[in-house]
Amino acid sequence: MAQALRPNTVGGLFATDGKPHPLQDTLLVVTLVLGITAFVTAMFHHLHLLSSWTGLVGILTGAYGQWISETTRERFGLIIGLGASAVGFFLGMAHGGLFGGVF
């Protein structure tokens, strides 16, 4: 009968512990937005500054979010955002870099 007292959080991909995590959720959303921005703008050569900088910031926020994340839902979203940020960052670097080829 002890099973009736505890919620079953095992088995779901987006399992949560039932507690609020405002900092982790904020980092998740910021990383996803930066990752999507970096990924989309990396497809245009003349937007390499935007894609490289948003990708770099997305990688940093995603890495910190991974470090302090507590649930699978947070980690799953952060990995998606990190991947998109990394692709955008690397394509932005290939198209001109962080400073527009000044150096």
N, C-alpha and C. Protein backbone atom coordinates (compact mmCIF):
# COMPACT_ATOMS: atom_id res chain seq x y z
N MET A 1 0.80 -1.18 0.00
CA MET A 1 0.00 0.00 0.00
C MET A 1 0.86 1.27 0.00
N ALA A 2 2.14 1.12 0.20
CA ALA A 2 3.02 2.28 0.21
C ALA A 2 3.11 2.93 -1.16
N GLN A 3 2.84 2.17 -2.23
CA GLN A 3 2.91 2.73 -3.57
C GLN A 3 1.86 3.81 -3.79
N ALA A 4 0.74 3.71 -3.11
CA ALA A 4 -0.34 4.68 -3.29
C ALA A 4 0.03 6.05 -2.71
N LEU A 5 1.00 6.11 -1.86
CA LEU A 5 1.37 7.38 -1.23
C LEU A 5 2.39 8.16 -2.02
N ARG A 6 3.14 7.49 -2.87
CA ARG A 6 4.20 8.15 -3.64
C ARG A 6 3.81 8.21 -5.11
N PRO A 7 4.04 9.36 -5.76
CA PRO A 7 3.77 9.41 -7.20
C PRO A 7 4.85 8.64 -7.96
N ASN A 8 4.45 8.04 -9.06
CA ASN A 8 5.38 7.28 -9.88
C ASN A 8 6.06 8.22 -10.87
N THR A 9 7.32 8.56 -10.63
CA THR A 9 8.06 9.44 -11.53
C THR A 9 9.06 8.67 -12.37
N VAL A 10 9.16 7.38 -12.19
CA VAL A 10 10.09 6.56 -12.95
C VAL A 10 9.44 6.16 -14.26
N GLY A 11 10.21 6.22 -15.33
CA GLY A 11 9.71 5.76 -16.60
C GLY A 11 9.34 6.87 -17.56
N GLY A 12 9.05 8.06 -17.08
CA GLY A 12 8.71 9.16 -17.97
C GLY A 12 9.95 9.95 -18.36
N LEU A 13 9.99 10.34 -19.61
CA LEU A 13 11.15 11.12 -20.07
C LEU A 13 11.21 12.48 -19.39
N PHE A 14 10.05 13.07 -19.17
CA PHE A 14 10.01 14.38 -18.54
C PHE A 14 9.64 14.28 -17.07
N ALA A 15 10.18 13.28 -16.40
CA ALA A 15 9.88 13.09 -14.98
C ALA A 15 10.43 14.27 -14.19
N THR A 16 9.67 14.68 -13.21
CA THR A 16 10.09 15.79 -12.36
C THR A 16 9.93 15.37 -10.91
N ASP A 17 10.56 16.10 -10.05
CA ASP A 17 10.48 15.78 -8.63
C ASP A 17 9.34 16.53 -7.95
N GLY A 18 8.57 17.30 -8.68
CA GLY A 18 7.43 18.00 -8.11
C GLY A 18 7.78 19.31 -7.42
N LYS A 19 9.02 19.72 -7.46
CA LYS A 19 9.45 20.96 -6.82
C LYS A 19 9.73 22.01 -7.89
N PRO A 20 9.55 23.28 -7.58
CA PRO A 20 9.88 24.32 -8.56
C PRO A 20 11.40 24.53 -8.65
N HIS A 21 11.85 24.77 -9.86
CA HIS A 21 13.27 25.04 -10.12
C HIS A 21 13.36 26.27 -11.02
N PRO A 22 13.14 27.47 -10.48
CA PRO A 22 13.08 28.65 -11.35
C PRO A 22 14.39 28.98 -12.05
N LEU A 23 15.52 28.83 -11.40
CA LEU A 23 16.80 29.13 -12.03
C LEU A 23 17.07 28.14 -13.16
N GLN A 24 16.86 26.87 -12.91
CA GLN A 24 17.11 25.86 -13.93
C GLN A 24 16.16 26.03 -15.12
N ASP A 25 14.90 26.35 -14.84
CA ASP A 25 13.94 26.56 -15.93
C ASP A 25 14.29 27.79 -16.74
N THR A 26 14.78 28.84 -16.10
CA THR A 26 15.19 30.04 -16.81
C THR A 26 16.39 29.74 -17.71
N LEU A 27 17.37 29.02 -17.19
CA LEU A 27 18.53 28.65 -18.00
C LEU A 27 18.12 27.76 -19.16
N LEU A 28 17.16 26.88 -18.95
CA LEU A 28 16.66 26.02 -20.02
C LEU A 28 16.05 26.85 -21.14
N VAL A 29 15.19 27.79 -20.80
CA VAL A 29 14.54 28.62 -21.82
C VAL A 29 15.55 29.50 -22.53
N VAL A 30 16.47 30.11 -21.78
CA VAL A 30 17.48 30.97 -22.39
C VAL A 30 18.37 30.17 -23.34
N THR A 31 18.77 28.97 -22.93
CA THR A 31 19.62 28.14 -23.78
C THR A 31 18.88 27.73 -25.05
N LEU A 32 17.61 27.36 -24.93
CA LEU A 32 16.84 26.97 -26.12
C LEU A 32 16.67 28.15 -27.07
N VAL A 33 16.37 29.33 -26.55
CA VAL A 33 16.18 30.51 -27.41
C VAL A 33 17.50 30.88 -28.10
N LEU A 34 18.58 30.88 -27.35
CA LEU A 34 19.88 31.20 -27.94
C LEU A 34 20.30 30.14 -28.96
N GLY A 35 20.03 28.87 -28.66
CA GLY A 35 20.37 27.80 -29.58
C GLY A 35 19.60 27.89 -30.88
N ILE A 36 18.30 28.15 -30.79
CA ILE A 36 17.49 28.28 -32.00
C ILE A 36 17.94 29.49 -32.82
N THR A 37 18.21 30.60 -32.13
CA THR A 37 18.67 31.80 -32.82
C THR A 37 20.00 31.56 -33.52
N ALA A 38 20.94 30.93 -32.82
CA ALA A 38 22.25 30.66 -33.41
C ALA A 38 22.14 29.71 -34.59
N PHE A 39 21.31 28.69 -34.45
CA PHE A 39 21.16 27.69 -35.51
C PHE A 39 20.54 28.31 -36.77
N VAL A 40 19.49 29.10 -36.59
CA VAL A 40 18.81 29.69 -37.74
C VAL A 40 19.68 30.75 -38.41
N THR A 41 20.32 31.60 -37.63
CA THR A 41 21.13 32.66 -38.24
C THR A 41 22.42 32.13 -38.83
N ALA A 42 22.84 30.94 -38.46
CA ALA A 42 24.06 30.36 -39.03
C ALA A 42 23.87 29.97 -40.49
N MET A 43 22.64 29.88 -40.93
CA MET A 43 22.37 29.52 -42.32
C MET A 43 22.61 30.69 -43.28
N PHE A 44 22.81 31.87 -42.74
CA PHE A 44 23.04 33.07 -43.55
C PHE A 44 24.46 33.57 -43.27
N HIS A 45 25.28 33.64 -44.31
CA HIS A 45 26.69 34.00 -44.15
C HIS A 45 26.88 35.39 -43.54
N HIS A 46 26.02 36.33 -43.90
CA HIS A 46 26.20 37.70 -43.43
C HIS A 46 25.76 37.89 -41.97
N LEU A 47 25.17 36.89 -41.34
CA LEU A 47 24.78 36.97 -39.94
C LEU A 47 25.72 36.20 -39.02
N HIS A 48 26.97 36.06 -39.44
CA HIS A 48 27.91 35.25 -38.66
C HIS A 48 28.21 35.85 -37.29
N LEU A 49 28.17 37.16 -37.16
CA LEU A 49 28.40 37.76 -35.83
C LEU A 49 27.30 37.35 -34.86
N LEU A 50 26.06 37.44 -35.30
CA LEU A 50 24.94 37.06 -34.44
C LEU A 50 24.97 35.57 -34.11
N SER A 51 25.22 34.73 -35.09
CA SER A 51 25.21 33.29 -34.83
C SER A 51 26.38 32.86 -33.95
N SER A 52 27.54 33.44 -34.14
CA SER A 52 28.68 33.03 -33.33
C SER A 52 28.55 33.50 -31.88
N TRP A 53 28.08 34.72 -31.67
CA TRP A 53 27.94 35.22 -30.30
C TRP A 53 26.79 34.54 -29.56
N THR A 54 25.63 34.38 -30.22
CA THR A 54 24.52 33.70 -29.55
C THR A 54 24.86 32.24 -29.30
N GLY A 55 25.60 31.64 -30.21
CA GLY A 55 26.04 30.26 -30.00
C GLY A 55 26.98 30.14 -28.81
N LEU A 56 27.92 31.06 -28.70
CA LEU A 56 28.86 31.02 -27.58
C LEU A 56 28.15 31.22 -26.24
N VAL A 57 27.27 32.20 -26.17
CA VAL A 57 26.53 32.44 -24.93
C VAL A 57 25.61 31.26 -24.62
N GLY A 58 25.00 30.68 -25.66
CA GLY A 58 24.15 29.52 -25.47
C GLY A 58 24.92 28.32 -24.93
N ILE A 59 26.13 28.13 -25.41
CA ILE A 59 26.97 27.04 -24.90
C ILE A 59 27.30 27.27 -23.43
N LEU A 60 27.63 28.50 -23.07
CA LEU A 60 27.99 28.78 -21.68
C LEU A 60 26.79 28.64 -20.74
N THR A 61 25.62 29.17 -21.14
CA THR A 61 24.45 29.03 -20.28
C THR A 61 23.99 27.58 -20.20
N GLY A 62 24.09 26.86 -21.30
CA GLY A 62 23.71 25.45 -21.30
C GLY A 62 24.64 24.60 -20.44
N ALA A 63 25.93 24.91 -20.47
CA ALA A 63 26.88 24.16 -19.65
C ALA A 63 26.62 24.41 -18.16
N TYR A 64 26.36 25.66 -17.81
CA TYR A 64 26.06 25.95 -16.41
C TYR A 64 24.73 25.32 -16.00
N GLY A 65 23.77 25.34 -16.90
CA GLY A 65 22.49 24.70 -16.63
C GLY A 65 22.62 23.21 -16.43
N GLN A 66 23.47 22.57 -17.21
CA GLN A 66 23.72 21.13 -17.03
C GLN A 66 24.35 20.86 -15.67
N TRP A 67 25.22 21.76 -15.26
CA TRP A 67 25.92 21.57 -14.00
C TRP A 67 24.96 21.61 -12.81
N ILE A 68 23.94 22.49 -12.87
CA ILE A 68 23.05 22.64 -11.72
C ILE A 68 21.68 22.00 -11.94
N SER A 69 21.46 21.33 -13.07
CA SER A 69 20.15 20.74 -13.34
C SER A 69 19.85 19.60 -12.38
N GLU A 70 18.56 19.42 -12.14
CA GLU A 70 18.15 18.41 -11.17
C GLU A 70 17.20 17.37 -11.72
N THR A 71 16.59 17.61 -12.87
CA THR A 71 15.62 16.65 -13.41
C THR A 71 15.99 16.29 -14.85
N THR A 72 15.42 15.19 -15.32
CA THR A 72 15.64 14.74 -16.67
C THR A 72 15.08 15.72 -17.68
N ARG A 73 13.94 16.32 -17.38
CA ARG A 73 13.32 17.30 -18.27
C ARG A 73 14.28 18.45 -18.54
N GLU A 74 14.92 18.95 -17.50
CA GLU A 74 15.86 20.06 -17.66
C GLU A 74 17.06 19.63 -18.50
N ARG A 75 17.59 18.47 -18.22
CA ARG A 75 18.77 18.00 -18.95
C ARG A 75 18.47 17.75 -20.42
N PHE A 76 17.29 17.20 -20.70
CA PHE A 76 16.90 16.93 -22.08
C PHE A 76 16.83 18.22 -22.89
N GLY A 77 16.15 19.22 -22.37
CA GLY A 77 16.04 20.49 -23.07
C GLY A 77 17.37 21.20 -23.21
N LEU A 78 18.19 21.11 -22.18
CA LEU A 78 19.50 21.75 -22.23
C LEU A 78 20.40 21.12 -23.29
N ILE A 79 20.33 19.81 -23.46
CA ILE A 79 21.14 19.15 -24.48
C ILE A 79 20.70 19.57 -25.88
N ILE A 80 19.39 19.71 -26.09
CA ILE A 80 18.89 20.19 -27.38
C ILE A 80 19.40 21.61 -27.64
N GLY A 81 19.29 22.48 -26.65
CA GLY A 81 19.77 23.85 -26.78
C GLY A 81 21.27 23.94 -26.96
N LEU A 82 22.00 23.09 -26.24
CA LEU A 82 23.46 23.07 -26.38
C LEU A 82 23.88 22.63 -27.78
N GLY A 83 23.22 21.63 -28.31
CA GLY A 83 23.55 21.15 -29.66
C GLY A 83 23.29 22.21 -30.71
N ALA A 84 22.14 22.87 -30.62
CA ALA A 84 21.82 23.93 -31.58
C ALA A 84 22.78 25.10 -31.43
N SER A 85 23.14 25.44 -30.20
CA SER A 85 24.10 26.53 -29.96
C SER A 85 25.46 26.19 -30.54
N ALA A 86 25.90 24.96 -30.35
CA ALA A 86 27.21 24.55 -30.85
C ALA A 86 27.26 24.58 -32.38
N VAL A 87 26.20 24.08 -33.02
CA VAL A 87 26.16 24.11 -34.49
C VAL A 87 26.18 25.55 -34.98
N GLY A 88 25.36 26.40 -34.37
CA GLY A 88 25.34 27.81 -34.76
C GLY A 88 26.67 28.49 -34.51
N PHE A 89 27.29 28.19 -33.37
CA PHE A 89 28.58 28.79 -33.05
C PHE A 89 29.65 28.37 -34.07
N PHE A 90 29.74 27.09 -34.35
CA PHE A 90 30.78 26.61 -35.27
C PHE A 90 30.57 27.10 -36.69
N LEU A 91 29.32 27.13 -37.15
CA LEU A 91 29.07 27.67 -38.49
C LEU A 91 29.32 29.18 -38.53
N GLY A 92 28.97 29.88 -37.46
CA GLY A 92 29.28 31.31 -37.39
C GLY A 92 30.78 31.56 -37.41
N MET A 93 31.52 30.72 -36.72
CA MET A 93 32.99 30.86 -36.75
C MET A 93 33.54 30.57 -38.14
N ALA A 94 32.96 29.61 -38.82
CA ALA A 94 33.43 29.27 -40.16
C ALA A 94 33.11 30.38 -41.16
N HIS A 95 32.05 31.13 -40.92
CA HIS A 95 31.65 32.19 -41.84
C HIS A 95 32.30 33.53 -41.56
N GLY A 96 33.02 33.66 -40.48
CA GLY A 96 33.67 34.95 -40.23
C GLY A 96 34.07 35.17 -38.79
N GLY A 97 33.52 34.43 -37.87
CA GLY A 97 33.97 34.52 -36.49
C GLY A 97 33.26 35.54 -35.63
N LEU A 98 33.79 35.69 -34.44
CA LEU A 98 33.20 36.54 -33.42
C LEU A 98 33.39 38.03 -33.69
N PHE A 99 34.43 38.37 -34.41
CA PHE A 99 34.74 39.78 -34.61
C PHE A 99 34.69 40.20 -36.06
N GLY A 100 34.11 39.40 -36.91
CA GLY A 100 33.92 39.78 -38.30
C GLY A 100 35.17 39.79 -39.16
N GLY A 101 36.15 39.01 -38.83
CA GLY A 101 37.36 38.94 -39.63
C GLY A 101 38.26 40.14 -39.50
N VAL A 102 38.17 40.87 -38.38
CA VAL A 102 39.01 42.06 -38.17
C VAL A 102 40.45 41.65 -37.97
N PHE A 103 40.67 40.52 -37.32
CA PHE A 103 42.04 40.12 -37.01
C PHE A 103 42.62 39.26 -38.08
